């Protein structure tokens, strides 16, 4: 599949088949992640791939974090729906920015600039995962609701740095239509 076709065909998948994903296919996808561009070639991304029985621990911790947020009277948005998706997806990969700090830690201006630049680089690696998954016949979902269980997940995953997002992967059990896009004239200004 050429790149523009993969970009055009990619959808956010929220229903996955129970079929496991072969390890060599995951290797191909994460090799693509490692090829992403990064500021100063820092390659700040660190991936933790969760599959098999370990998914139960992941789901339990996500629900634990959501319960804590709700008990504190905080909104959890669509996070409960995200947990259900993560529960059914055969693979969920968490991505960290190696040098990043928790969003709740104080940051100097220099640390904030470094964090933003590194998160931009991590975003490029996530996009490579999404496009490689599409190319390899898998569905994917970029999940940002990990912040509602940030402390629980970081402690369990044991990876230093800032948790940025998760990506669930598997064989799609739905074929959603393309979502509407705003017109280019509204989003791109030419000088």
Protein backbone atom coordinates (compact mmCIF):
# COMPACT_ATOMS: atom_id res chain seq x y z
CA UNK A 1 0.00 0.00 0.00
CA UNK A 2 1.41 3.40 -0.81
CA UNK A 3 1.62 6.03 1.90
CA UNK A 4 -1.18 8.27 0.65
CA UNK A 5 -3.50 5.25 0.34
CA UNK A 6 -2.66 4.20 3.92
CA UNK A 7 -3.36 7.72 5.17
CA UNK A 8 -6.67 7.84 3.31
CA UNK A 9 -7.79 4.35 4.38
CA UNK A 10 -6.79 4.55 8.07
CA UNK A 11 -9.66 4.66 10.54
CA UNK A 12 -9.89 4.73 14.32
CA UNK A 13 -11.06 1.22 15.18
CA UNK A 14 -13.14 0.71 18.32
CA UNK A 15 -14.17 -2.92 17.81
CA UNK A 16 -11.54 -5.63 17.51
CA UNK A 17 -11.70 -9.36 16.83
CA UNK A 18 -10.31 -11.62 19.55
CA UNK A 19 -7.68 -13.06 17.17
CA UNK A 20 -4.13 -12.64 18.46
CA UNK A 21 -1.63 -10.66 16.42
CA UNK A 22 1.49 -12.58 15.32
CA UNK A 23 4.71 -11.40 16.95
CA UNK A 24 6.45 -10.86 13.60
CA UNK A 25 3.65 -8.51 12.52
CA UNK A 26 4.07 -6.49 15.73
CA UNK A 27 7.83 -6.38 15.13
CA UNK A 28 7.19 -4.92 11.66
CA UNK A 29 4.86 -2.27 13.07
CA UNK A 30 7.18 -1.19 15.89
CA UNK A 31 10.16 -1.15 13.55
CA UNK A 32 8.20 1.49 11.61
CA UNK A 33 7.72 3.43 14.87
CA UNK A 34 11.46 3.51 15.39
CA UNK A 35 11.94 5.05 11.94
CA UNK A 36 9.97 8.19 12.84
CA UNK A 37 11.72 11.55 12.70
CA UNK A 38 12.65 13.13 16.02
CA UNK A 39 14.07 16.46 17.12
CA UNK A 40 17.88 16.30 17.27
CA UNK A 41 17.50 12.54 16.58
CA UNK A 42 16.82 12.00 20.30
CA UNK A 43 14.36 9.17 19.56
CA UNK A 44 12.63 9.81 22.92
CA UNK A 45 9.92 7.16 22.52
CA UNK A 46 9.85 4.09 24.75
CA UNK A 47 7.17 1.51 23.99
CA UNK A 48 5.68 -1.07 26.36
CA UNK A 49 3.53 -3.63 24.54
CA UNK A 50 0.82 -5.39 26.57
CA UNK A 51 -0.88 -8.54 25.29
CA UNK A 52 -2.23 -11.86 26.49
CA UNK A 53 -3.17 -12.23 30.13
CA UNK A 54 -1.36 -9.01 31.12
CA UNK A 55 -4.26 -7.10 29.54
CA UNK A 56 -6.36 -7.99 32.62
CA UNK A 57 -3.93 -6.10 34.87
CA UNK A 58 -3.96 -3.14 32.48
CA UNK A 59 -7.77 -2.98 32.46
CA UNK A 60 -7.96 -3.36 36.25
CA UNK A 61 -5.53 -0.46 36.73
CA UNK A 62 -7.35 1.72 34.22
CA UNK A 63 -10.63 1.11 36.04
CA UNK A 64 -8.94 1.76 39.38
CA UNK A 65 -7.68 5.13 38.13
CA UNK A 66 -11.10 6.05 36.73
CA UNK A 67 -12.77 5.16 40.03
CA UNK A 68 -10.30 7.38 41.89
CA UNK A 69 -11.02 10.28 39.53
CA UNK A 70 -14.78 9.85 39.84
CA UNK A 71 -14.53 9.66 43.65
CA UNK A 72 -12.68 12.98 43.56
CA UNK A 73 -15.56 14.47 41.55
CA UNK A 74 -13.50 14.82 38.37
CA UNK A 75 -14.88 14.23 34.89
CA UNK A 76 -13.49 11.21 33.06
CA UNK A 77 -14.94 12.03 29.65
CA UNK A 78 -14.95 9.03 27.32
CA UNK A 79 -12.39 7.07 29.34
CA UNK A 80 -14.79 4.27 30.33
CA UNK A 81 -15.43 3.60 26.64
CA UNK A 82 -11.66 3.61 26.00
CA UNK A 83 -11.17 0.97 28.71
CA UNK A 84 -13.74 -1.30 27.04
CA UNK A 85 -11.88 -0.94 23.74
CA UNK A 86 -8.53 -1.70 25.43
CA UNK A 87 -10.12 -4.74 27.07
CA UNK A 88 -11.15 -6.28 23.75
CA UNK A 89 -8.08 -5.30 21.69
CA UNK A 90 -5.52 -8.12 21.65
CA UNK A 91 -2.61 -5.63 21.97
CA UNK A 92 -2.25 -2.23 23.60
CA UNK A 93 1.09 -0.43 23.44
CA UNK A 94 1.92 2.42 25.80
CA UNK A 95 4.38 5.07 24.67
CA UNK A 96 6.52 7.20 26.94
CA UNK A 97 8.71 10.21 26.28
CA UNK A 98 11.97 9.10 27.90
CA UNK A 99 13.11 12.45 29.29
CA UNK A 100 9.66 13.83 29.99
CA UNK A 101 8.22 14.67 33.36
CA UNK A 102 4.77 13.85 34.65
CA UNK A 103 2.31 16.57 33.64
CA UNK A 104 1.72 17.19 37.36
CA UNK A 105 5.37 17.93 38.16
CA UNK A 106 6.62 21.50 38.05
CA UNK A 107 8.47 22.36 34.83
CA UNK A 108 10.96 25.11 34.07
CA UNK A 109 10.55 26.90 30.75
CA UNK A 110 13.47 24.88 29.32
CA UNK A 111 11.95 21.59 30.53
CA UNK A 112 8.59 22.56 29.02
CA UNK A 113 10.18 23.32 25.65
CA UNK A 114 12.06 19.99 25.71
CA UNK A 115 8.86 18.17 26.70
CA UNK A 116 6.84 19.72 23.86
CA UNK A 117 9.53 18.93 21.29
CA UNK A 118 9.85 15.33 22.55
CA UNK A 119 6.07 14.80 22.56
CA UNK A 120 5.98 16.03 18.96
CA UNK A 121 8.56 13.35 18.14
CA UNK A 122 6.53 10.72 19.99
CA UNK A 123 3.48 11.80 17.98
CA UNK A 124 5.39 11.06 14.77
CA UNK A 125 6.23 7.57 16.08
CA UNK A 126 2.56 6.99 16.97
CA UNK A 127 1.49 8.02 13.47
CA UNK A 128 4.03 5.57 12.02
CA UNK A 129 2.45 2.80 14.14
CA UNK A 130 -1.03 3.70 12.91
CA UNK A 131 0.03 3.76 9.27
CA UNK A 132 2.12 0.58 9.52
CA UNK A 133 -0.83 -1.19 11.18
CA UNK A 134 -3.06 -0.07 8.31
CA UNK A 135 -0.50 -1.26 5.79
CA UNK A 136 -0.27 -4.66 7.51
CA UNK A 137 -4.05 -5.19 7.67
CA UNK A 138 -4.57 -4.29 11.32
CA UNK A 139 -6.87 -1.78 12.95
CA UNK A 140 -5.63 0.71 15.50
CA UNK A 141 -6.84 3.31 17.97
CA UNK A 142 -4.74 6.14 19.40
CA UNK A 143 -5.83 6.51 23.05
CA UNK A 144 -5.14 9.57 25.19
CA UNK A 145 -7.41 8.60 28.09
CA UNK A 146 -4.41 7.04 29.87
CA UNK A 147 -4.11 10.26 31.86
CA UNK A 148 -7.10 9.25 33.97
CA UNK A 149 -5.05 6.34 35.36
CA UNK A 150 -1.62 7.93 34.94
CA UNK A 151 -0.10 7.02 38.29
CA UNK A 152 -1.52 3.50 38.31
CA UNK A 153 -0.25 2.73 34.79
CA UNK A 154 3.18 4.34 35.24
CA UNK A 155 3.78 2.37 38.43
CA UNK A 156 2.74 -0.90 36.81
CA UNK A 157 4.56 -0.37 33.51
CA UNK A 158 7.75 0.65 35.33
CA UNK A 159 9.06 2.89 32.55
CA UNK A 160 10.76 6.19 33.29
CA UNK A 161 9.61 9.33 31.55
CA UNK A 162 6.27 10.84 30.66
CA UNK A 163 3.42 8.55 29.64
CA UNK A 164 2.08 10.14 26.44
CA UNK A 165 -0.56 7.79 25.03
CA UNK A 166 -1.53 4.23 24.19
CA UNK A 167 -2.33 2.54 20.89
CA UNK A 168 -4.64 -0.47 20.75
CA UNK A 169 -4.06 -2.85 17.85
CA UNK A 170 -5.77 -5.87 16.39
CA UNK A 171 -7.86 -7.16 13.53
CA UNK A 172 -10.75 -4.76 12.98
CA UNK A 173 -14.26 -6.01 13.67
CA UNK A 174 -15.83 -2.95 12.08
CA UNK A 175 -15.36 -0.86 8.96
CA UNK A 176 -16.26 2.71 9.89
CA UNK A 177 -16.78 5.30 7.21
CA UNK A 178 -14.40 8.21 6.93
CA UNK A 179 -15.10 10.94 9.46
CA UNK A 180 -15.94 14.39 8.11
CA UNK A 181 -12.97 16.68 7.63
CA UNK A 182 -12.94 20.45 7.75
CA UNK A 183 -12.19 22.11 4.41
CA UNK A 184 -8.58 22.96 3.62
CA UNK A 185 -9.56 26.62 3.28
CA UNK A 186 -10.46 26.65 6.98
CA UNK A 187 -7.27 24.92 8.14
CA UNK A 188 -4.47 25.99 5.81
CA UNK A 189 -3.48 29.58 5.12
CA UNK A 190 -1.23 30.30 2.15
CA UNK A 191 1.10 33.31 2.17
